[in-house]
C-alpha cells in the first residue's frame, strides 16, 4: 500500500475566522507543508500542496478535520516518488 500524501487543504468560507483568502491561507498553513497554488470556489478556498498530475488517478480521498477544514490525500505516482 502506497503512502498517502497531502494534495489540497480546503478551508470553508463559513469558517468564523475567515473574511478573505489571506485569513484562509493563515489557517491552511497550519496543515500545509507548502502551498503550490490556490483557488477560490463559491464555498471554499483550496490550497494545493502538489499538482494533481503527480498523483495516481482515482486515489484521492478527502478527510474532514472539522466542519470548516478538509484535507485531500492521494497516492503519488511511482515516477514522482523516484524523482522526488
PDB file of N, CA and C in Angstrom:
ATOM      1  N   UNK A   1       0.848  -1.196   0.000  1.00  0.00           N
ATOM      2  CA  UNK A   1       0.000   0.000   0.000  1.00  0.00           C
ATOM      3  C   UNK A   1       0.886   1.248   0.000  1.00  0.00           C
ATOM      4  N   UNK A   2       0.605   2.169  -0.894  1.00  0.00           N
ATOM      5  CA  UNK A   2       1.398   3.392  -1.013  1.00  0.00           C
ATOM      6  C   UNK A   2       1.056   4.379   0.095  1.00  0.00           C
ATOM      7  N   UNK A   3       2.026   5.217   0.365  1.00  0.00           N
ATOM      8  CA  UNK A   3       1.832   6.248   1.390  1.00  0.00           C
ATOM      9  C   UNK A   3       0.905   7.350   0.862  1.00  0.00           C
ATOM     10  N   UNK A   4       0.019   7.811   1.729  1.00  0.00           N
ATOM     11  CA  UNK A   4      -0.849   8.936   1.370  1.00  0.00           C
ATOM     12  C   UNK A   4      -0.070  10.237   1.534  1.00  0.00           C
ATOM     13  N   UNK A   5      -0.288  11.163   0.605  1.00  0.00           N
ATOM     14  CA  UNK A   5       0.377  12.458   0.617  1.00  0.00           C
ATOM     15  C   UNK A   5      -0.700  13.537   0.489  1.00  0.00           C
ATOM     16  N   UNK A   6      -0.526  14.639   1.222  1.00  0.00           N
ATOM     17  CA  UNK A   6      -1.493  15.744   1.120  1.00  0.00           C
ATOM     18  C   UNK A   6      -1.431  16.362  -0.264  1.00  0.00           C
ATOM     19  N   UNK A   7      -2.614  16.567  -0.842  1.00  0.00           N
ATOM     20  CA  UNK A   7      -2.694  17.231  -2.144  1.00  0.00           C
ATOM     21  C   UNK A   7      -3.309  18.618  -2.009  1.00  0.00           C
ATOM     22  N   UNK A   8      -4.351  18.764  -1.200  1.00  0.00           N
ATOM     23  CA  UNK A   8      -5.049  20.044  -1.069  1.00  0.00           C
ATOM     24  C   UNK A   8      -5.584  20.221   0.351  1.00  0.00           C
ATOM     25  N   UNK A   9      -5.504  21.457   0.836  1.00  0.00           N
ATOM     26  CA  UNK A   9      -6.144  21.852   2.096  1.00  0.00           C
ATOM     27  C   UNK A   9      -7.345  22.711   1.692  1.00  0.00           C
ATOM     28  N   UNK A  10      -8.530  22.360   2.178  1.00  0.00           N
ATOM     29  CA  UNK A  10      -9.753  23.096   1.836  1.00  0.00           C
ATOM     30  C   UNK A  10     -10.254  23.812   3.090  1.00  0.00           C
ATOM     31  N   UNK A  11     -10.428  25.118   2.978  1.00  0.00           N
ATOM     32  CA  UNK A  11     -10.934  25.936   4.082  1.00  0.00           C
ATOM     33  C   UNK A  11     -12.275  26.529   3.661  1.00  0.00           C
ATOM     34  N   UNK A  12     -13.308  26.226   4.415  1.00  0.00           N
ATOM     35  CA  UNK A  12     -14.650  26.725   4.112  1.00  0.00           C
ATOM     36  C   UNK A  12     -14.735  28.234   4.337  1.00  0.00           C
ATOM     37  N   UNK A  13     -15.457  28.899   3.456  1.00  0.00           N
ATOM     38  CA  UNK A  13     -15.691  30.335   3.623  1.00  0.00           C
ATOM     39  C   UNK A  13     -16.567  30.626   4.836  1.00  0.00           C
ATOM     40  N   UNK A  14     -17.260  29.612   5.338  1.00  0.00           N
ATOM     41  CA  UNK A  14     -18.111  29.831   6.516  1.00  0.00           C
ATOM     42  C   UNK A  14     -17.327  29.731   7.828  1.00  0.00           C
ATOM     43  N   UNK A  15     -16.030  29.455   7.749  1.00  0.00           N
ATOM     44  CA  UNK A  15     -15.183  29.406   8.957  1.00  0.00           C
ATOM     45  C   UNK A  15     -15.279  30.760   9.655  1.00  0.00           C
ATOM     46  N   UNK A  16     -15.498  30.772  10.965  1.00  0.00           N
ATOM     47  CA  UNK A  16     -15.690  32.038  11.677  1.00  0.00           C
ATOM     48  C   UNK A  16     -14.496  32.998  11.611  1.00  0.00           C
ATOM     49  N   UNK A  17     -13.296  32.498  11.368  1.00  0.00           N
ATOM     50  CA  UNK A  17     -12.109  33.359  11.312  1.00  0.00           C
ATOM     51  C   UNK A  17     -11.731  33.779   9.893  1.00  0.00           C
ATOM     52  N   UNK A  18     -12.542  33.381   8.902  1.00  0.00           N
ATOM     53  CA  UNK A  18     -12.212  33.661   7.503  1.00  0.00           C
ATOM     54  C   UNK A  18     -13.074  34.791   6.953  1.00  0.00           C
ATOM     55  N   UNK A  19     -12.392  35.894   6.634  1.00  0.00           N
ATOM     56  CA  UNK A  19     -13.064  37.010   5.965  1.00  0.00           C
ATOM     57  C   UNK A  19     -12.640  37.099   4.502  1.00  0.00           C
ATOM     58  N   UNK A  20     -11.423  36.559   4.202  1.00  0.00           N
ATOM     59  CA  UNK A  20     -10.894  36.615   2.844  1.00  0.00           C
ATOM     60  C   UNK A  20      -9.846  35.512   2.646  1.00  0.00           C
ATOM     61  N   UNK A  21      -9.254  35.464   1.453  1.00  0.00           N
ATOM     62  CA  UNK A  21      -8.258  34.438   1.119  1.00  0.00           C
ATOM     63  C   UNK A  21      -7.059  34.477   2.067  1.00  0.00           C
ATOM     64  N   UNK A  22      -6.651  35.660   2.455  1.00  0.00           N
ATOM     65  CA  UNK A  22      -5.496  35.807   3.354  1.00  0.00           C
ATOM     66  C   UNK A  22      -5.752  35.105   4.692  1.00  0.00           C
ATOM     67  N   UNK A  23      -6.951  35.288   5.250  1.00  0.00           N
ATOM     68  CA  UNK A  23      -7.312  34.607   6.507  1.00  0.00           C
ATOM     69  C   UNK A  23      -7.310  33.093   6.317  1.00  0.00           C
ATOM     70  N   UNK A  24      -7.866  32.638   5.194  1.00  0.00           N
ATOM     71  CA  UNK A  24      -7.921  31.200   4.923  1.00  0.00           C
ATOM     72  C   UNK A  24      -6.517  30.625   4.759  1.00  0.00           C
ATOM     73  N   UNK A  25      -5.626  31.376   4.127  1.00  0.00           N
ATOM     74  CA  UNK A  25      -4.256  30.909   3.932  1.00  0.00           C
ATOM     75  C   UNK A  25      -3.528  30.756   5.270  1.00  0.00           C
ATOM     76  N   UNK A  26      -3.772  31.664   6.195  1.00  0.00           N
ATOM     77  CA  UNK A  26      -3.160  31.555   7.529  1.00  0.00           C
ATOM     78  C   UNK A  26      -3.568  30.241   8.199  1.00  0.00           C
ATOM     79  N   UNK A  27      -4.830  29.896   8.076  1.00  0.00           N
ATOM     80  CA  UNK A  27      -5.320  28.635   8.663  1.00  0.00           C
ATOM     81  C   UNK A  27      -4.722  27.444   7.919  1.00  0.00           C
ATOM     82  N   UNK A  28      -4.704  27.505   6.594  1.00  0.00           N
ATOM     83  CA  UNK A  28      -4.180  26.399   5.778  1.00  0.00           C
ATOM     84  C   UNK A  28      -2.712  26.128   6.084  1.00  0.00           C
ATOM     85  N   UNK A  29      -1.944  27.157   6.376  1.00  0.00           N
ATOM     86  CA  UNK A  29      -0.506  26.988   6.650  1.00  0.00           C
ATOM     87  C   UNK A  29      -0.253  26.127   7.891  1.00  0.00           C
ATOM     88  N   UNK A  30      -1.220  26.006   8.777  1.00  0.00           N
ATOM     89  CA  UNK A  30      -1.072  25.122   9.943  1.00  0.00           C
ATOM     90  C   UNK A  30      -1.059  23.649   9.513  1.00  0.00           C
ATOM     91  N   UNK A  31      -1.656  23.363   8.364  1.00  0.00           N
ATOM     92  CA  UNK A  31      -1.775  21.990   7.865  1.00  0.00           C
ATOM     93  C   UNK A  31      -0.873  21.717   6.662  1.00  0.00           C
ATOM     94  N   UNK A  32      -0.384  22.787   6.025  1.00  0.00           N
ATOM     95  CA  UNK A  32       0.340  22.670   4.760  1.00  0.00           C
ATOM     96  C   UNK A  32       1.845  22.561   4.954  1.00  0.00           C
ATOM     97  N   UNK A  33       2.465  21.706   4.141  1.00  0.00           N
ATOM     98  CA  UNK A  33       3.920  21.656   4.081  1.00  0.00           C
ATOM     99  C   UNK A  33       4.416  22.847   3.259  1.00  0.00           C
ATOM    100  N   UNK A  34       3.709  23.115   2.200  1.00  0.00           N
ATOM    101  CA  UNK A  34       3.946  24.272   1.339  1.00  0.00           C
ATOM    102  C   UNK A  34       2.660  24.515   0.568  1.00  0.00           C
ATOM    103  N   UNK A  35       2.520  25.672  -0.018  1.00  0.00           N
ATOM    104  CA  UNK A  35       1.347  25.949  -0.845  1.00  0.00           C
ATOM    105  C   UNK A  35       1.832  26.142  -2.271  1.00  0.00           C
ATOM    106  N   UNK A  36       1.457  25.210  -3.132  1.00  0.00           N
ATOM    107  CA  UNK A  36       1.865  25.215  -4.532  1.00  0.00           C
ATOM    108  C   UNK A  36       1.054  26.259  -5.313  1.00  0.00           C
ATOM    109  N   UNK A  37      -0.253  26.255  -5.089  1.00  0.00           N
ATOM    110  CA  UNK A  37      -1.153  27.207  -5.737  1.00  0.00           C
ATOM    111  C   UNK A  37      -2.462  27.238  -4.943  1.00  0.00           C
ATOM    112  N   UNK A  38      -3.323  28.208  -5.235  1.00  0.00           N
ATOM    113  CA  UNK A  38      -4.615  28.263  -4.546  1.00  0.00           C
ATOM    114  C   UNK A  38      -5.687  28.732  -5.518  1.00  0.00           C
ATOM    115  N   UNK A  39      -6.923  28.432  -5.143  1.00  0.00           N
ATOM    116  CA  UNK A  39      -8.061  28.922  -5.927  1.00  0.00           C
ATOM    117  C   UNK A  39      -9.261  29.076  -5.005  1.00  0.00           C
ATOM    118  N   UNK A  40     -10.198  29.857  -5.492  1.00  0.00           N
ATOM    119  CA  UNK A  40     -11.412  30.131  -4.726  1.00  0.00           C
ATOM    120  C   UNK A  40     -12.600  29.516  -5.446  1.00  0.00           C
ATOM    121  N   UNK A  41     -13.480  28.879  -4.679  1.00  0.00           N
ATOM    122  CA  UNK A  41     -14.749  28.398  -5.225  1.00  0.00           C
ATOM    123  C   UNK A  41     -15.853  29.207  -4.549  1.00  0.00           C
ATOM    124  N   UNK A  42     -17.081  28.922  -4.849  1.00  0.00           N
ATOM    125  CA  UNK A  42     -18.189  29.668  -4.240  1.00  0.00           C
ATOM    126  C   UNK A  42     -18.289  29.428  -2.740  1.00  0.00           C
ATOM    127  N   UNK A  43     -17.770  28.274  -2.263  1.00  0.00           N
ATOM    128  CA  UNK A  43     -17.929  27.946  -0.843  1.00  0.00           C
ATOM    129  C   UNK A  43     -16.620  27.750  -0.072  1.00  0.00           C
ATOM    130  N   UNK A  44     -15.471  27.775  -0.789  1.00  0.00           N
ATOM    131  CA  UNK A  44     -14.217  27.489  -0.083  1.00  0.00           C
ATOM    132  C   UNK A  44     -13.004  28.084  -0.782  1.00  0.00           C
ATOM    133  N   UNK A  45     -11.890  28.031  -0.048  1.00  0.00           N
ATOM    134  CA  UNK A  45     -10.570  28.325  -0.592  1.00  0.00           C
ATOM    135  C   UNK A  45      -9.811  27.007  -0.587  1.00  0.00           C
ATOM    136  N   UNK A  46      -9.130  26.708  -1.704  1.00  0.00           N
ATOM    137  CA  UNK A  46      -8.421  25.437  -1.849  1.00  0.00           C
ATOM    138  C   UNK A  46      -6.936  25.738  -2.050  1.00  0.00           C
ATOM    139  N   UNK A  47      -6.108  25.151  -1.197  1.00  0.00           N
ATOM    140  CA  UNK A  47      -4.670  25.393  -1.233  1.00  0.00           C
ATOM    141  C   UNK A  47      -3.961  24.088  -1.598  1.00  0.00           C
ATOM    142  N   UNK A  48      -3.455  24.013  -2.820  1.00  0.00           N
ATOM    143  CA  UNK A  48      -2.796  22.797  -3.304  1.00  0.00           C
ATOM    144  C   UNK A  48      -1.389  22.670  -2.740  1.00  0.00           C
ATOM    145  N   UNK A  49      -1.063  21.444  -2.384  1.00  0.00           N
ATOM    146  CA  UNK A  49       0.275  21.100  -1.921  1.00  0.00           C
ATOM    147  C   UNK A  49       1.153  20.644  -3.081  1.00  0.00           C
ATOM    148  N   UNK A  50       0.533  19.941  -4.009  1.00  0.00           N
ATOM    149  CA  UNK A  50       1.216  19.391  -5.174  1.00  0.00           C
ATOM    150  C   UNK A  50       0.231  19.379  -6.334  1.00  0.00           C
ATOM    151  N   UNK A  51       0.720  19.391  -7.572  1.00  0.00           N
ATOM    152  CA  UNK A  51      -0.177  19.331  -8.726  1.00  0.00           C
ATOM    153  C   UNK A  51      -0.901  17.983  -8.807  1.00  0.00           C
ATOM    154  N   UNK A  52      -2.146  17.978  -9.252  1.00  0.00           N
ATOM    155  CA  UNK A  52      -2.901  16.729  -9.373  1.00  0.00           C
ATOM    156  C   UNK A  52      -2.202  15.710 -10.278  1.00  0.00           C
ATOM    157  N   UNK A  53      -1.440  16.181 -11.247  1.00  0.00           N
ATOM    158  CA  UNK A  53      -0.763  15.272 -12.178  1.00  0.00           C
ATOM    159  C   UNK A  53       0.318  14.423 -11.496  1.00  0.00           C
ATOM    160  N   UNK A  54       0.734  14.764 -10.276  1.00  0.00           N
ATOM    161  CA  UNK A  54       1.710  13.979  -9.512  1.00  0.00           C
ATOM    162  C   UNK A  54       1.087  12.718  -8.899  1.00  0.00           C
ATOM    163  N   UNK A  55      -0.240  12.616  -8.949  1.00  0.00           N
ATOM    164  CA  UNK A  55      -0.949  11.565  -8.222  1.00  0.00           C
ATOM    165  C   UNK A  55      -1.568  10.513  -9.136  1.00  0.00           C
ATOM    166  N   UNK A  56      -1.729   9.321  -8.594  1.00  0.00           N
ATOM    167  CA  UNK A  56      -2.406   8.228  -9.290  1.00  0.00           C
ATOM    168  C   UNK A  56      -3.882   8.610  -9.440  1.00  0.00           C
ATOM    169  N   UNK A  57      -4.384   8.504 -10.662  1.00  0.00           N
ATOM    170  CA  UNK A  57      -5.781   8.834 -10.924  1.00  0.00           C
ATOM    171  C   UNK A  57      -6.698   7.968 -10.062  1.00  0.00           C
ATOM    172  N   UNK A  58      -7.694   8.589  -9.451  1.00  0.00           N
ATOM    173  CA  UNK A  58      -8.655   7.866  -8.635  1.00  0.00           C
ATOM    174  C   UNK A  58      -8.207   7.580  -7.209  1.00  0.00           C
ATOM    175  N   UNK A  59      -7.026   8.081  -6.827  1.00  0.00           N
ATOM    176  CA  UNK A  59      -6.510   7.783  -5.486  1.00  0.00           C
ATOM    177  C   UNK A  59      -6.880   8.837  -4.439  1.00  0.00           C
ATOM    178  N   UNK A  60      -7.551   9.900  -4.843  1.00  0.00           N
ATOM    179  CA  UNK A  60      -7.863  10.993  -3.913  1.00  0.00           C
ATOM    180  C   UNK A  60      -8.947  10.612  -2.914  1.00  0.00           C
ATOM    181  N   UNK A  61      -8.709  10.950  -1.672  1.00  0.00           N
ATOM    182  CA  UNK A  61      -9.677  10.754  -0.583  1.00  0.00           C
ATOM    183  C   UNK A  61      -9.683  12.034   0.249  1.00  0.00           C
ATOM    184  N   UNK A  62     -10.869  12.485   0.616  1.00  0.00           N
ATOM    185  CA  UNK A  62     -10.993  13.695   1.420  1.00  0.00           C
ATOM    186  C   UNK A  62     -11.262  13.326   2.872  1.00  0.00           C
ATOM    187  N   UNK A  63     -10.468  13.918   3.768  1.00  0.00           N
ATOM    188  CA  UNK A  63     -10.620  13.715   5.210  1.00  0.00           C
ATOM    189  C   UNK A  63     -11.104  15.024   5.831  1.00  0.00           C
ATOM    190  N   UNK A  64     -12.233  14.963   6.472  1.00  0.00           N
ATOM    191  CA  UNK A  64     -12.794  16.151   7.123  1.00  0.00           C
ATOM    192  C   UNK A  64     -12.148  16.294   8.500  1.00  0.00           C
ATOM    193  N   UNK A  65     -11.448  17.409   8.728  1.00  0.00           N
ATOM    194  CA  UNK A  65     -10.805  17.668  10.017  1.00  0.00           C
ATOM    195  C   UNK A  65     -11.840  18.179  11.016  1.00  0.00           C
ATOM    196  N   UNK A  66     -12.663  19.100  10.543  1.00  0.00           N
ATOM    197  CA  UNK A  66     -13.794  19.606  11.322  1.00  0.00           C
ATOM    198  C   UNK A  66     -14.801  20.179  10.326  1.00  0.00           C
ATOM    199  N   UNK A  67     -15.783  20.890  10.786  1.00  0.00           N
ATOM    200  CA  UNK A  67     -16.830  21.355   9.870  1.00  0.00           C
ATOM    201  C   UNK A  67     -16.333  22.398   8.863  1.00  0.00           C
ATOM    202  N   UNK A  68     -15.136  22.963   9.075  1.00  0.00           N
ATOM    203  CA  UNK A  68     -14.616  24.028   8.220  1.00  0.00           C
ATOM    204  C   UNK A  68     -13.365  23.656   7.426  1.00  0.00           C
ATOM    205  N   UNK A  69     -12.691  22.586   7.798  1.00  0.00           N
ATOM    206  CA  UNK A  69     -11.396  22.254   7.201  1.00  0.00           C
ATOM    207  C   UNK A  69     -11.382  20.799   6.742  1.00  0.00           C
ATOM    208  N   UNK A  70     -10.909  20.593   5.503  1.00  0.00           N
ATOM    209  CA  UNK A  70     -10.740  19.245   4.958  1.00  0.00           C
ATOM    210  C   UNK A  70      -9.367  19.145   4.301  1.00  0.00           C
ATOM    211  N   UNK A  71      -8.850  17.922   4.263  1.00  0.00           N
ATOM    212  CA  UNK A  71      -7.586  17.654   3.586  1.00  0.00           C
ATOM    213  C   UNK A  71      -7.832  16.572   2.542  1.00  0.00           C
ATOM    214  N   UNK A  72      -7.353  16.826   1.324  1.00  0.00           N
ATOM    215  CA  UNK A  72      -7.430  15.834   0.253  1.00  0.00           C
ATOM    216  C   UNK A  72      -6.079  15.121   0.195  1.00  0.00           C
ATOM    217  N   UNK A  73      -6.135  13.788   0.307  1.00  0.00           N
ATOM    218  CA  UNK A  73      -4.946  12.941   0.274  1.00  0.00           C
ATOM    219  C   UNK A  73      -4.939  12.160  -1.020  1.00  0.00           C
ATOM    220  N   UNK A  74      -3.747  11.785  -1.477  1.00  0.00           N
ATOM    221  CA  UNK A  74      -3.652  10.956  -2.661  1.00  0.00           C
ATOM    222  C   UNK A  74      -2.371  10.140  -2.656  1.00  0.00           C
ATOM    223  N   UNK A  75      -2.298   9.211  -3.609  1.00  0.00           N
ATOM    224  CA  UNK A  75      -1.124   8.353  -3.760  1.00  0.00           C
ATOM    225  C   UNK A  75      -0.266   8.911  -4.898  1.00  0.00           C
ATOM    226  N   UNK A  76       1.006   9.187  -4.611  1.00  0.00           N
ATOM    227  CA  UNK A  76       1.906   9.703  -5.639  1.00  0.00           C
ATOM    228  C   UNK A  76       2.199   8.636  -6.683  1.00  0.00           C
ATOM    229  N   UNK A  77       2.360   9.084  -7.935  1.00  0.00           N
ATOM    230  CA  UNK A  77       2.785   8.182  -8.995  1.00  0.00           C
ATOM    231  C   UNK A  77       4.204   7.704  -8.692  1.00  0.00           C
ATOM    232  N   UNK A  78       4.546   6.500  -9.121  1.00  0.00           N
ATOM    233  CA  UNK A  78       5.876   5.945  -8.843  1.00  0.00           C
ATOM    234  C   UNK A  78       6.988   6.819  -9.386  1.00  0.00           C
ATOM    235  N   UNK A  79       6.833   7.386 -10.573  1.00  0.00           N
ATOM    236  CA  UNK A  79       7.909   8.194 -11.146  1.00  0.00           C
ATOM    237  C   UNK A  79       8.133   9.483 -10.347  1.00  0.00           C
ATOM    238  N   UNK A  80       7.081  10.011  -9.710  1.00  0.00           N
ATOM    239  CA  UNK A  80       7.219  11.196  -8.868  1.00  0.00           C
ATOM    240  C   UNK A  80       7.990  10.835  -7.602  1.00  0.00           C
ATOM    241  N   UNK A  81       7.701   9.653  -7.048  1.00  0.00           N
ATOM    242  CA  UNK A  81       8.417   9.179  -5.868  1.00  0.00           C
ATOM    243  C   UNK A  81       9.901   9.015  -6.162  1.00  0.00           C
ATOM    244  N   UNK A  82      10.231   8.484  -7.316  1.00  0.00           N
ATOM    245  CA  UNK A  82      11.628   8.244  -7.686  1.00  0.00           C
ATOM    246  C   UNK A  82      12.387   9.539  -7.949  1.00  0.00           C
ATOM    247  N   UNK A  83      11.671  10.544  -8.513  1.00  0.00           N
ATOM    248  CA  UNK A  83      12.321  11.811  -8.847  1.00  0.00           C
ATOM    249  C   UNK A  83      12.245  12.846  -7.740  1.00  0.00           C
ATOM    250  N   UNK A  84      11.512  12.531  -6.671  1.00  0.00           N
ATOM    251  CA  UNK A  84      11.403  13.449  -5.539  1.00  0.00           C
ATOM    252  C   UNK A  84      10.434  14.512  -5.809  1.00  0.00           C
TER     253      UNK A  84
END
